[in-house]
Amino acid sequence: MKKFLNYFLLASVVTLFVVSCKPDDDPYYEGDNFISFANVSSQATVTKGTTSKEVTVMYTTLSEAKVNTEVKISVDPSQSSAVEGTDFKIINATDNLAAGQKVGSFRIQLLESGAKVTQKVIAFKISSPSVPNSDFKQIHKLSYSLECLFDMSPFTGTYKVVTDTWEDYEPGDLITVQPGPAANQFKILSTNNIYISNPSTSYMLVTVANDGKVTLASNQLFNYGGTTGSMSLSGIGTVNFCNGGINISALNFSGAAGSSNGNKFVLEKN
């Protein structure tokens, strides 16, 4: 009898384990339907010379539409820096979500004429005459900016110092930039650097990659004299092909007296 009870208990435990481990059926929502954006933000760029770029803004419903459903998108000007009709156009302000579907999209045309290097934001709202809004993801913010392809032509002429944490220059000081010697290089001349004894022959040589990332090296030692002595320069950063901006995010100085790494050197066209 005791052995029989042990077998019975073991069989019960096994049965309970099998039942408890059986996966639940896929949940199916049968309540009221609601609409929302698929996400709350997105980013895009408009390439210079392309006139415009089309992007999509996705929306979704909580469950599949039971009938064909009209869904609308509109702009909230109070949260937008871009202007509809001037900076962008909504191609389909109304979308028809077919019965049995739960995901749809709106097409937005971003105009190159309205795009800038600094981002603009469009805040969209969603609505439907037959389906109520959910309590979440009711605003979608699309941020976009102007993107320029590889172009070395901006990197020449007079530049203004924005930031120099090494303090060879003050903000607002002027610096000359010259193209070359290679097609993907330019020189930041030291002509106006009052702290070195070789300003007429020394310069920073900047080499530009296709993605706008740069490396920097001095063509010769910068002679500061005194306890600082002569220093070699190296660095990394980025350039902006649209406006010619130069951002050396890590400018490094090294010499017999020591080193200073990670200095910021930012220039903009004057």
Protein backbone atom coordinates (compact mmCIF):
# COMPACT_ATOMS: atom_id res chain seq x y z
CA MET A 1 0.00 0.00 0.00
CA LYS A 2 2.79 2.41 0.89
CA LYS A 3 4.55 1.64 -2.42
CA PHE A 4 1.24 2.16 -4.27
CA LEU A 5 0.77 5.56 -2.62
CA ASN A 6 4.32 6.58 -3.55
CA TYR A 7 3.66 5.67 -7.18
CA PHE A 8 0.35 7.56 -7.10
CA LEU A 9 1.99 10.69 -5.70
CA LEU A 10 4.80 10.52 -8.25
CA ALA A 11 2.31 10.21 -11.11
CA SER A 12 0.33 13.18 -9.75
CA VAL A 13 3.42 15.37 -9.54
CA VAL A 14 4.44 14.48 -13.10
CA THR A 15 0.95 15.23 -14.39
CA LEU A 16 0.87 18.55 -12.55
CA PHE A 17 4.29 19.48 -13.99
CA VAL A 18 3.23 18.65 -17.56
CA VAL A 19 0.00 20.63 -17.23
CA SER A 20 1.72 23.62 -15.63
CA CYS A 21 4.39 23.68 -18.36
CA LYS A 22 1.91 23.68 -21.24
CA PRO A 23 2.18 27.02 -23.04
CA ASP A 24 -0.89 29.26 -22.88
CA ASP A 25 -2.80 29.89 -26.02
CA ASP A 26 -1.86 33.11 -27.81
CA PRO A 27 -3.70 35.99 -26.12
CA TYR A 28 -6.38 37.60 -28.20
CA TYR A 29 -7.72 41.05 -27.33
CA GLU A 30 -11.44 41.37 -27.94
CA GLY A 31 -12.13 44.71 -26.24
CA ASP A 32 -12.41 48.20 -27.70
CA ASN A 33 -9.84 49.20 -30.28
CA PHE A 34 -7.49 52.20 -29.91
CA ILE A 35 -4.96 53.97 -32.14
CA SER A 36 -1.47 55.32 -31.43
CA PHE A 37 1.79 55.99 -33.21
CA ALA A 38 4.15 53.03 -33.44
CA ASN A 39 6.87 55.10 -31.72
CA VAL A 40 7.24 58.58 -30.28
CA SER A 41 10.21 59.85 -32.32
CA SER A 42 12.28 59.37 -35.45
CA GLN A 43 15.15 61.07 -37.25
CA ALA A 44 15.93 61.77 -40.88
CA THR A 45 18.27 63.76 -43.10
CA VAL A 46 17.74 65.48 -46.43
CA THR A 47 20.76 65.31 -48.71
CA LYS A 48 21.78 68.57 -50.32
CA GLY A 49 21.02 68.57 -54.05
CA THR A 50 18.17 66.03 -53.88
CA THR A 51 15.28 68.54 -53.60
CA SER A 52 13.38 66.44 -51.06
CA LYS A 53 13.19 63.17 -49.16
CA GLU A 54 10.14 61.05 -48.39
CA VAL A 55 9.83 59.36 -44.99
CA THR A 56 7.05 57.38 -43.33
CA VAL A 57 5.49 57.75 -39.91
CA MET A 58 3.97 54.49 -38.68
CA TYR A 59 0.86 54.01 -36.55
CA THR A 60 -0.84 50.99 -35.04
CA THR A 61 -4.09 49.87 -33.48
CA LEU A 62 -4.44 47.76 -30.37
CA SER A 63 -6.15 44.99 -32.32
CA GLU A 64 -6.92 44.28 -35.94
CA ALA A 65 -9.43 46.63 -37.53
CA LYS A 66 -12.87 45.01 -37.78
CA VAL A 67 -13.83 47.23 -40.72
CA ASN A 68 -12.00 49.62 -43.02
CA THR A 69 -10.89 52.46 -40.76
CA GLU A 70 -10.00 56.06 -41.54
CA VAL A 71 -6.97 57.39 -39.65
CA LYS A 72 -5.69 60.96 -39.84
CA ILE A 73 -2.41 62.72 -39.08
CA SER A 74 -2.00 66.42 -38.30
CA VAL A 75 0.68 68.83 -37.08
CA ASP A 76 0.92 70.39 -33.64
CA PRO A 77 2.51 73.79 -34.43
CA SER A 78 3.08 74.55 -30.75
CA GLN A 79 5.62 71.72 -30.55
CA SER A 80 7.10 72.11 -34.05
CA SER A 81 9.95 74.23 -35.38
CA ALA A 82 9.28 73.26 -39.01
CA VAL A 83 6.39 74.81 -40.93
CA GLU A 84 3.98 72.71 -42.99
CA GLY A 85 3.92 73.74 -46.64
CA THR A 86 7.25 75.56 -46.36
CA ASP A 87 9.59 73.01 -44.80
CA PHE A 88 7.63 69.81 -45.41
CA LYS A 89 4.41 68.39 -46.86
CA ILE A 90 2.09 65.62 -45.70
CA ILE A 91 1.46 63.48 -48.77
CA ASN A 92 -1.40 61.46 -47.27
CA ALA A 93 -2.97 63.21 -44.30
CA THR A 94 -5.61 60.43 -44.25
CA ASP A 95 -4.82 56.73 -44.37
CA ASN A 96 -7.36 53.93 -44.80
CA LEU A 97 -6.55 50.96 -42.59
CA ALA A 98 -8.06 47.87 -44.19
CA ALA A 99 -10.15 45.46 -42.16
CA GLY A 100 -7.96 42.78 -40.62
CA GLN A 101 -4.91 45.08 -40.46
CA LYS A 102 -3.46 46.86 -37.43
CA VAL A 103 -0.47 48.80 -38.84
CA GLY A 104 -0.51 51.73 -41.25
CA SER A 105 1.64 54.66 -42.24
CA PHE A 106 1.67 58.27 -43.39
CA ARG A 107 4.04 59.65 -46.04
CA ILE A 108 5.89 62.87 -45.29
CA GLN A 109 7.92 64.85 -47.83
CA LEU A 110 10.83 66.75 -46.28
CA LEU A 111 11.90 69.65 -48.51
CA GLU A 112 15.57 70.45 -49.00
CA SER A 113 14.71 74.16 -49.15
CA GLY A 114 13.45 73.99 -45.58
CA ALA A 115 16.17 71.76 -44.13
CA LYS A 116 19.04 73.27 -42.16
CA VAL A 117 22.25 71.94 -40.62
CA THR A 118 20.65 72.35 -37.20
CA GLN A 119 17.73 69.99 -36.68
CA LYS A 120 14.12 70.99 -37.16
CA VAL A 121 11.27 69.18 -35.41
CA ILE A 122 7.78 68.27 -36.60
CA ALA A 123 5.28 67.17 -33.94
CA PHE A 124 2.47 65.02 -35.35
CA LYS A 125 -0.88 64.12 -33.80
CA ILE A 126 -3.09 61.17 -34.73
CA SER A 127 -6.86 60.75 -34.77
CA SER A 128 -9.71 58.72 -36.23
CA PRO A 129 -13.41 59.47 -36.54
CA SER A 130 -14.30 55.89 -35.56
CA VAL A 131 -11.51 54.64 -33.29
CA PRO A 132 -10.57 56.39 -30.01
CA ASN A 133 -7.02 57.36 -29.13
CA SER A 134 -5.03 55.29 -26.68
CA ASP A 135 -3.44 56.76 -23.56
CA PHE A 136 0.09 56.55 -24.98
CA LYS A 137 2.19 57.46 -28.06
CA GLN A 138 -0.15 60.23 -29.18
CA ILE A 139 2.61 62.60 -30.31
CA HIS A 140 5.33 61.61 -32.79
CA LYS A 141 8.28 63.99 -33.14
CA LEU A 142 10.23 63.77 -36.37
CA SER A 143 13.63 65.51 -36.21
CA TYR A 144 15.46 66.17 -39.46
CA SER A 145 18.41 68.13 -40.78
CA LEU A 146 20.35 68.88 -43.95
CA GLU A 147 23.11 66.46 -44.90
CA CYS A 148 25.85 67.29 -47.39
CA LEU A 149 27.97 64.77 -49.23
CA PHE A 150 31.76 64.85 -49.31
CA ASP A 151 32.83 68.27 -50.58
CA MET A 152 36.12 69.98 -49.80
CA SER A 153 35.27 73.31 -51.42
CA PRO A 154 34.01 75.00 -48.22
CA PHE A 155 37.31 74.56 -46.37
CA THR A 156 39.16 77.65 -47.46
CA GLY A 157 39.26 81.28 -46.44
CA THR A 158 38.90 83.08 -43.13
CA TYR A 159 37.58 81.27 -40.08
CA LYS A 160 36.56 82.49 -36.65
CA VAL A 161 37.58 80.74 -33.44
CA VAL A 162 34.60 79.48 -31.42
CA THR A 163 36.46 77.40 -28.83
CA ASP A 164 40.12 76.84 -28.02
CA THR A 165 40.72 75.18 -24.66
CA TRP A 166 44.51 75.18 -25.27
CA GLU A 167 44.14 78.98 -25.35
CA ASP A 168 46.40 79.88 -28.24
CA TYR A 169 43.41 81.90 -29.47
CA GLU A 170 40.52 83.81 -27.98
CA PRO A 171 36.94 83.30 -29.22
CA GLY A 172 36.45 85.56 -32.21
CA ASP A 173 40.09 85.50 -33.33
CA LEU A 174 40.53 84.97 -37.07
CA ILE A 175 42.47 82.11 -38.67
CA THR A 176 43.27 81.37 -42.30
CA VAL A 177 42.45 77.96 -43.82
CA GLN A 178 43.97 76.84 -47.11
CA PRO A 179 43.13 73.80 -49.27
CA GLY A 180 45.57 70.97 -49.96
CA PRO A 181 48.11 69.64 -50.46
CA ALA A 182 46.04 66.50 -51.15
CA ALA A 183 42.48 66.68 -52.47
CA ASN A 184 41.04 65.57 -49.11
CA GLN A 185 43.22 67.85 -46.95
CA PHE A 186 43.32 71.44 -45.76
CA LYS A 187 45.72 73.48 -43.65
CA ILE A 188 44.92 75.58 -40.61
CA LEU A 189 47.63 78.21 -40.71
CA SER A 190 49.40 79.50 -37.60
CA THR A 191 49.88 83.00 -39.00
CA ASN A 192 47.95 84.68 -36.17
CA ASN A 193 49.31 82.52 -33.34
CA ILE A 194 51.24 84.97 -31.13
CA TYR A 195 52.53 82.27 -28.77
CA ILE A 196 54.86 80.43 -31.13
CA SER A 197 58.08 81.59 -32.79
CA ASN A 198 57.41 79.88 -36.13
CA PRO A 199 53.90 81.04 -37.14
CA SER A 200 54.79 81.63 -40.78
CA THR A 201 55.91 78.05 -41.48
CA SER A 202 53.84 75.88 -39.13
CA TYR A 203 50.29 74.72 -39.64
CA MET A 204 47.83 71.99 -38.71
CA LEU A 205 47.22 69.54 -41.55
CA VAL A 206 43.70 68.14 -41.52
CA THR A 207 42.82 64.97 -43.47
CA VAL A 208 39.12 64.41 -44.18
CA ALA A 209 37.38 61.05 -44.64
CA ASN A 210 34.24 60.57 -46.73
CA ASP A 211 32.03 60.50 -43.62
CA GLY A 212 33.35 63.83 -42.34
CA LYS A 213 35.66 62.41 -39.68
CA VAL A 214 39.10 64.00 -39.62
CA THR A 215 42.60 63.44 -38.31
CA LEU A 216 45.00 66.27 -37.60
CA ALA A 217 48.80 66.54 -37.41
CA SER A 218 51.25 69.43 -37.31
CA ASN A 219 53.58 69.77 -40.27
CA GLN A 220 56.41 70.68 -37.87
CA LEU A 221 56.90 71.28 -34.16
CA PHE A 222 55.15 74.33 -32.75
CA ASN A 223 57.89 76.27 -30.93
CA TYR A 224 56.43 77.85 -27.78
CA GLY A 225 59.81 78.63 -26.22
CA GLY A 226 60.40 78.91 -22.47
CA THR A 227 59.49 75.93 -20.31
CA THR A 228 56.91 74.65 -22.80
CA GLY A 229 59.40 74.25 -25.63
CA SER A 230 58.50 72.63 -28.92
CA MET A 231 55.29 70.59 -29.24
CA SER A 232 53.96 68.21 -31.87
CA LEU A 233 50.23 68.25 -32.53
CA SER A 234 47.75 65.48 -33.31
CA GLY A 235 44.01 65.20 -33.09
CA ILE A 236 40.67 63.89 -34.28
CA GLY A 237 37.32 65.48 -34.99
CA THR A 238 34.70 66.14 -37.64
CA VAL A 239 33.85 68.67 -40.32
CA ASN A 240 30.53 69.80 -41.71
CA PHE A 241 30.32 69.64 -45.49
CA CYS A 242 27.28 71.94 -45.53
CA ASN A 243 28.63 75.00 -43.73
CA GLY A 244 32.38 74.30 -43.58
CA GLY A 245 32.44 73.98 -39.79
CA ILE A 246 35.56 72.45 -38.23
CA ASN A 247 35.32 70.66 -34.89
CA ILE A 248 38.53 69.18 -33.51
CA SER A 249 37.16 67.32 -30.52
CA ALA A 250 40.50 66.04 -29.21
CA LEU A 251 43.57 68.16 -29.95
CA ASN A 252 46.73 66.75 -28.38
CA PHE A 253 50.05 68.48 -27.68
CA SER A 254 53.22 66.54 -26.88
CA GLY A 255 56.79 67.62 -26.18
CA ALA A 256 59.78 67.23 -23.89
CA ALA A 257 58.00 69.26 -21.20
CA GLY A 258 54.98 66.97 -21.17
CA SER A 259 51.67 66.58 -22.94
CA SER A 260 48.14 67.94 -22.96
CA ASN A 261 45.41 65.78 -24.49
CA GLY A 262 41.76 66.19 -25.38
CA ASN A 263 41.73 69.93 -26.03
CA LYS A 264 38.77 71.36 -27.97
CA PHE A 265 39.35 73.48 -31.07
CA VAL A 266 36.24 74.65 -32.92
CA LEU A 267 36.18 76.97 -35.93
CA GLU A 268 33.37 78.41 -38.04
CA LYS A 269 33.48 80.27 -41.33
CA ASN A 270 33.68 84.02 -40.82
